[in-house]
Amino acid sequence: MDQFLKILTLPDNIPIVIMLFAVIYLTWLSFREARKNDKLIEEGKKDQIYRRMVE
């Protein structure tokens, strides 16, 4: 485990680690928004999707 952490904290690898966490977070965020939009479509409120995005 020490060797793994040593490799992760090398200056060249820090941006890669940050990008990895950013991709995971943004993927989760996009799926969450997609679920909200799907729920609005099921409820027959398709026109509210655009209004929610603009707000």
PDB file of N, CA and C in Angstrom:
ATOM      1  N   MET A   1       0.823  -1.197   0.000  1.00  0.00           N
ATOM      2  CA  MET A   1       0.000   0.000   0.000  1.00  0.00           C
ATOM      3  C   MET A   1       0.869   1.264   0.000  1.00  0.00           C
ATOM      4  N   ASP A   2       1.987   1.224   0.690  1.00  0.00           N
ATOM      5  CA  ASP A   2       2.874   2.388   0.723  1.00  0.00           C
ATOM      6  C   ASP A   2       3.404   2.721  -0.663  1.00  0.00           C
ATOM      7  N   GLN A   3       3.741   1.688  -1.409  1.00  0.00           N
ATOM      8  CA  GLN A   3       4.261   1.910  -2.758  1.00  0.00           C
ATOM      9  C   GLN A   3       3.178   2.502  -3.670  1.00  0.00           C
ATOM     10  N   PHE A   4       1.963   2.036  -3.515  1.00  0.00           N
ATOM     11  CA  PHE A   4       0.840   2.556  -4.301  1.00  0.00           C
ATOM     12  C   PHE A   4       0.627   4.039  -4.006  1.00  0.00           C
ATOM     13  N   LEU A   5       0.625   4.423  -2.740  1.00  0.00           N
ATOM     14  CA  LEU A   5       0.440   5.827  -2.373  1.00  0.00           C
ATOM     15  C   LEU A   5       1.607   6.685  -2.848  1.00  0.00           C
ATOM     16  N   LYS A   6       2.789   6.122  -2.819  1.00  0.00           N
ATOM     17  CA  LYS A   6       3.965   6.856  -3.294  1.00  0.00           C
ATOM     18  C   LYS A   6       3.832   7.162  -4.786  1.00  0.00           C
ATOM     19  N   ILE A   7       3.343   6.192  -5.554  1.00  0.00           N
ATOM     20  CA  ILE A   7       3.159   6.402  -6.992  1.00  0.00           C
ATOM     21  C   ILE A   7       2.059   7.430  -7.239  1.00  0.00           C
ATOM     22  N   LEU A   8       0.958   7.348  -6.482  1.00  0.00           N
ATOM     23  CA  LEU A   8      -0.152   8.287  -6.670  1.00  0.00           C
ATOM     24  C   LEU A   8       0.233   9.729  -6.380  1.00  0.00           C
ATOM     25  N   THR A   9       1.125   9.926  -5.425  1.00  0.00           N
ATOM     26  CA  THR A   9       1.458  11.287  -5.014  1.00  0.00           C
ATOM     27  C   THR A   9       2.642  11.873  -5.769  1.00  0.00           C
ATOM     28  N   LEU A  10       3.131  11.178  -6.771  1.00  0.00           N
ATOM     29  CA  LEU A  10       4.179  11.759  -7.605  1.00  0.00           C
ATOM     30  C   LEU A  10       3.595  12.955  -8.355  1.00  0.00           C
ATOM     31  N   PRO A  11       4.358  14.005  -8.557  1.00  0.00           N
ATOM     32  CA  PRO A  11       3.828  15.209  -9.212  1.00  0.00           C
ATOM     33  C   PRO A  11       3.188  14.943 -10.582  1.00  0.00           C
ATOM     34  N   ASP A  12       3.714  13.999 -11.335  1.00  0.00           N
ATOM     35  CA  ASP A  12       3.152  13.702 -12.654  1.00  0.00           C
ATOM     36  C   ASP A  12       1.791  13.030 -12.560  1.00  0.00           C
ATOM     37  N   ASN A  13       1.493  12.360 -11.485  1.00  0.00           N
ATOM     38  CA  ASN A  13       0.267  11.582 -11.370  1.00  0.00           C
ATOM     39  C   ASN A  13      -0.872  12.325 -10.674  1.00  0.00           C
ATOM     40  N   ILE A  14      -0.586  13.411 -10.009  1.00  0.00           N
ATOM     41  CA  ILE A  14      -1.623  14.136  -9.273  1.00  0.00           C
ATOM     42  C   ILE A  14      -2.739  14.632 -10.199  1.00  0.00           C
ATOM     43  N   PRO A  15      -2.445  15.216 -11.366  1.00  0.00           N
ATOM     44  CA  PRO A  15      -3.547  15.623 -12.258  1.00  0.00           C
ATOM     45  C   PRO A  15      -4.397  14.439 -12.717  1.00  0.00           C
ATOM     46  N   ILE A  16      -3.794  13.298 -12.910  1.00  0.00           N
ATOM     47  CA  ILE A  16      -4.543  12.109 -13.328  1.00  0.00           C
ATOM     48  C   ILE A  16      -5.503  11.687 -12.220  1.00  0.00           C
ATOM     49  N   VAL A  17      -5.060  11.718 -10.992  1.00  0.00           N
ATOM     50  CA  VAL A  17      -5.919  11.353  -9.855  1.00  0.00           C
ATOM     51  C   VAL A  17      -7.076  12.343  -9.738  1.00  0.00           C
ATOM     52  N   ILE A  18      -6.784  13.619  -9.905  1.00  0.00           N
ATOM     53  CA  ILE A  18      -7.835  14.643  -9.840  1.00  0.00           C
ATOM     54  C   ILE A  18      -8.853  14.425 -10.959  1.00  0.00           C
ATOM     55  N   MET A  19      -8.367  14.140 -12.166  1.00  0.00           N
ATOM     56  CA  MET A  19      -9.285  13.900 -13.291  1.00  0.00           C
ATOM     57  C   MET A  19     -10.130  12.661 -13.051  1.00  0.00           C
ATOM     58  N   LEU A  20      -9.571  11.652 -12.432  1.00  0.00           N
ATOM     59  CA  LEU A  20     -10.327  10.440 -12.138  1.00  0.00           C
ATOM     60  C   LEU A  20     -11.510  10.751 -11.224  1.00  0.00           C
ATOM     61  N   PHE A  21     -11.262  11.499 -10.162  1.00  0.00           N
ATOM     62  CA  PHE A  21     -12.340  11.877  -9.260  1.00  0.00           C
ATOM     63  C   PHE A  21     -13.349  12.797  -9.946  1.00  0.00           C
ATOM     64  N   ALA A  22     -12.875  13.694 -10.802  1.00  0.00           N
ATOM     65  CA  ALA A  22     -13.779  14.592 -11.521  1.00  0.00           C
ATOM     66  C   ALA A  22     -14.693  13.809 -12.459  1.00  0.00           C
ATOM     67  N   VAL A  23     -14.153  12.825 -13.154  1.00  0.00           N
ATOM     68  CA  VAL A  23     -14.964  12.018 -14.074  1.00  0.00           C
ATOM     69  C   VAL A  23     -16.013  11.235 -13.296  1.00  0.00           C
ATOM     70  N   ILE A  24     -15.641  10.660 -12.182  1.00  0.00           N
ATOM     71  CA  ILE A  24     -16.596   9.908 -11.365  1.00  0.00           C
ATOM     72  C   ILE A  24     -17.701  10.824 -10.861  1.00  0.00           C
ATOM     73  N   TYR A  25     -17.350  11.995 -10.364  1.00  0.00           N
ATOM     74  CA  TYR A  25     -18.351  12.929  -9.846  1.00  0.00           C
ATOM     75  C   TYR A  25     -19.282  13.416 -10.948  1.00  0.00           C
ATOM     76  N   LEU A  26     -18.723  13.806 -12.091  1.00  0.00           N
ATOM     77  CA  LEU A  26     -19.557  14.335 -13.169  1.00  0.00           C
ATOM     78  C   LEU A  26     -20.448  13.262 -13.780  1.00  0.00           C
ATOM     79  N   THR A  27     -19.988  12.020 -13.798  1.00  0.00           N
ATOM     80  CA  THR A  27     -20.828  10.925 -14.272  1.00  0.00           C
ATOM     81  C   THR A  27     -22.003  10.728 -13.329  1.00  0.00           C
ATOM     82  N   TRP A  28     -21.732  10.736 -12.040  1.00  0.00           N
ATOM     83  CA  TRP A  28     -22.806  10.608 -11.043  1.00  0.00           C
ATOM     84  C   TRP A  28     -23.798  11.761 -11.191  1.00  0.00           C
ATOM     85  N   LEU A  29     -23.299  12.971 -11.357  1.00  0.00           N
ATOM     86  CA  LEU A  29     -24.157  14.143 -11.489  1.00  0.00           C
ATOM     87  C   LEU A  29     -25.042  14.048 -12.730  1.00  0.00           C
ATOM     88  N   SER A  30     -24.487  13.599 -13.840  1.00  0.00           N
ATOM     89  CA  SER A  30     -25.282  13.501 -15.070  1.00  0.00           C
ATOM     90  C   SER A  30     -26.356  12.430 -14.957  1.00  0.00           C
ATOM     91  N   PHE A  31     -26.049  11.306 -14.319  1.00  0.00           N
ATOM     92  CA  PHE A  31     -27.063  10.271 -14.131  1.00  0.00           C
ATOM     93  C   PHE A  31     -28.169  10.741 -13.186  1.00  0.00           C
ATOM     94  N   ARG A  32     -27.807  11.526 -12.183  1.00  0.00           N
ATOM     95  CA  ARG A  32     -28.811  12.066 -11.265  1.00  0.00           C
ATOM     96  C   ARG A  32     -29.774  12.992 -11.996  1.00  0.00           C
ATOM     97  N   GLU A  33     -29.230  13.867 -12.843  1.00  0.00           N
ATOM     98  CA  GLU A  33     -30.069  14.777 -13.612  1.00  0.00           C
ATOM     99  C   GLU A  33     -30.934  14.009 -14.614  1.00  0.00           C
ATOM    100  N   ALA A  34     -30.385  12.965 -15.207  1.00  0.00           N
ATOM    101  CA  ALA A  34     -31.158  12.158 -16.154  1.00  0.00           C
ATOM    102  C   ALA A  34     -32.345  11.500 -15.453  1.00  0.00           C
ATOM    103  N   ARG A  35     -32.117  11.002 -14.221  1.00  0.00           N
ATOM    104  CA  ARG A  35     -33.224  10.417 -13.459  1.00  0.00           C
ATOM    105  C   ARG A  35     -34.311  11.439 -13.178  1.00  0.00           C
ATOM    106  N   LYS A  36     -33.913  12.661 -12.826  1.00  0.00           N
ATOM    107  CA  LYS A  36     -34.895  13.718 -12.572  1.00  0.00           C
ATOM    108  C   LYS A  36     -35.698  14.023 -13.837  1.00  0.00           C
ATOM    109  N   ASN A  37     -35.005  14.089 -14.977  1.00  0.00           N
ATOM    110  CA  ASN A  37     -35.698  14.358 -16.234  1.00  0.00           C
ATOM    111  C   ASN A  37     -36.636  13.218 -16.607  1.00  0.00           C
ATOM    112  N   ASP A  38     -36.215  11.983 -16.400  1.00  0.00           N
ATOM    113  CA  ASP A  38     -37.071  10.833 -16.687  1.00  0.00           C
ATOM    114  C   ASP A  38     -38.330  10.861 -15.824  1.00  0.00           C
ATOM    115  N   LYS A  39     -38.174  11.270 -14.577  1.00  0.00           N
ATOM    116  CA  LYS A  39     -39.326  11.350 -13.679  1.00  0.00           C
ATOM    117  C   LYS A  39     -40.310  12.410 -14.170  1.00  0.00           C
ATOM    118  N   LEU A  40     -39.788  13.556 -14.624  1.00  0.00           N
ATOM    119  CA  LEU A  40     -40.661  14.603 -15.149  1.00  0.00           C
ATOM    120  C   LEU A  40     -41.392  14.134 -16.407  1.00  0.00           C
ATOM    121  N   ILE A  41     -40.702  13.388 -17.265  1.00  0.00           N
ATOM    122  CA  ILE A  41     -41.337  12.875 -18.478  1.00  0.00           C
ATOM    123  C   ILE A  41     -42.446  11.897 -18.121  1.00  0.00           C
ATOM    124  N   GLU A  42     -42.199  11.020 -17.148  1.00  0.00           N
ATOM    125  CA  GLU A  42     -43.223  10.056 -16.724  1.00  0.00           C
ATOM    126  C   GLU A  42     -44.446  10.746 -16.146  1.00  0.00           C
ATOM    127  N   GLU A  43     -44.225  11.890 -15.491  1.00  0.00           N
ATOM    128  CA  GLU A  43     -45.334  12.633 -14.896  1.00  0.00           C
ATOM    129  C   GLU A  43     -46.041  13.520 -15.921  1.00  0.00           C
ATOM    130  N   GLY A  44     -45.566  13.515 -17.164  1.00  0.00           N
ATOM    131  CA  GLY A  44     -46.187  14.330 -18.207  1.00  0.00           C
ATOM    132  C   GLY A  44     -45.791  15.794 -18.140  1.00  0.00           C
ATOM    133  N   LYS A  45     -44.674  16.098 -17.528  1.00  0.00           N
ATOM    134  CA  LYS A  45     -44.214  17.485 -17.379  1.00  0.00           C
ATOM    135  C   LYS A  45     -42.947  17.721 -18.205  1.00  0.00           C
ATOM    136  N   LYS A  46     -42.968  17.251 -19.439  1.00  0.00           N
ATOM    137  CA  LYS A  46     -41.788  17.332 -20.296  1.00  0.00           C
ATOM    138  C   LYS A  46     -41.339  18.773 -20.533  1.00  0.00           C
ATOM    139  N   ASP A  47     -42.273  19.717 -20.563  1.00  0.00           N
ATOM    140  CA  ASP A  47     -41.927  21.115 -20.798  1.00  0.00           C
ATOM    141  C   ASP A  47     -41.155  21.741 -19.637  1.00  0.00           C
ATOM    142  N   GLN A  48     -41.224  21.161 -18.480  1.00  0.00           N
ATOM    143  CA  GLN A  48     -40.509  21.700 -17.313  1.00  0.00           C
ATOM    144  C   GLN A  48     -39.021  21.361 -17.309  1.00  0.00           C
ATOM    145  N   ILE A  49     -38.611  20.420 -18.135  1.00  0.00           N
ATOM    146  CA  ILE A  49     -37.195  20.026 -18.161  1.00  0.00           C
ATOM    147  C   ILE A  49     -36.331  21.209 -18.577  1.00  0.00           C
ATOM    148  N   TYR A  50     -36.718  21.872 -19.653  1.00  0.00           N
ATOM    149  CA  TYR A  50     -35.936  23.022 -20.119  1.00  0.00           C
ATOM    150  C   TYR A  50     -35.945  24.148 -19.095  1.00  0.00           C
ATOM    151  N   ARG A  51     -37.101  24.402 -18.475  1.00  0.00           N
ATOM    152  CA  ARG A  51     -37.183  25.461 -17.470  1.00  0.00           C
ATOM    153  C   ARG A  51     -36.271  25.184 -16.287  1.00  0.00           C
ATOM    154  N   ARG A  52     -36.172  23.907 -15.882  1.00  0.00           N
ATOM    155  CA  ARG A  52     -35.286  23.543 -14.767  1.00  0.00           C
ATOM    156  C   ARG A  52     -33.815  23.767 -15.129  1.00  0.00           C
ATOM    157  N   MET A  53     -33.470  23.500 -16.391  1.00  0.00           N
ATOM    158  CA  MET A  53     -32.079  23.651 -16.808  1.00  0.00           C
ATOM    159  C   MET A  53     -31.687  25.121 -16.865  1.00  0.00           C
ATOM    160  N   VAL A  54     -32.612  25.997 -17.225  1.00  0.00           N
ATOM    161  CA  VAL A  54     -32.313  27.415 -17.375  1.00  0.00           C
ATOM    162  C   VAL A  54     -32.205  28.104 -16.019  1.00  0.00           C
ATOM    163  N   GLU A  55     -32.957  27.627 -15.044  1.00  0.00           N
ATOM    164  CA  GLU A  55     -32.974  28.275 -13.717  1.00  0.00           C
ATOM    165  C   GLU A  55     -31.663  28.172 -13.021  1.00  0.00           C
TER     166      GLU A  55
END
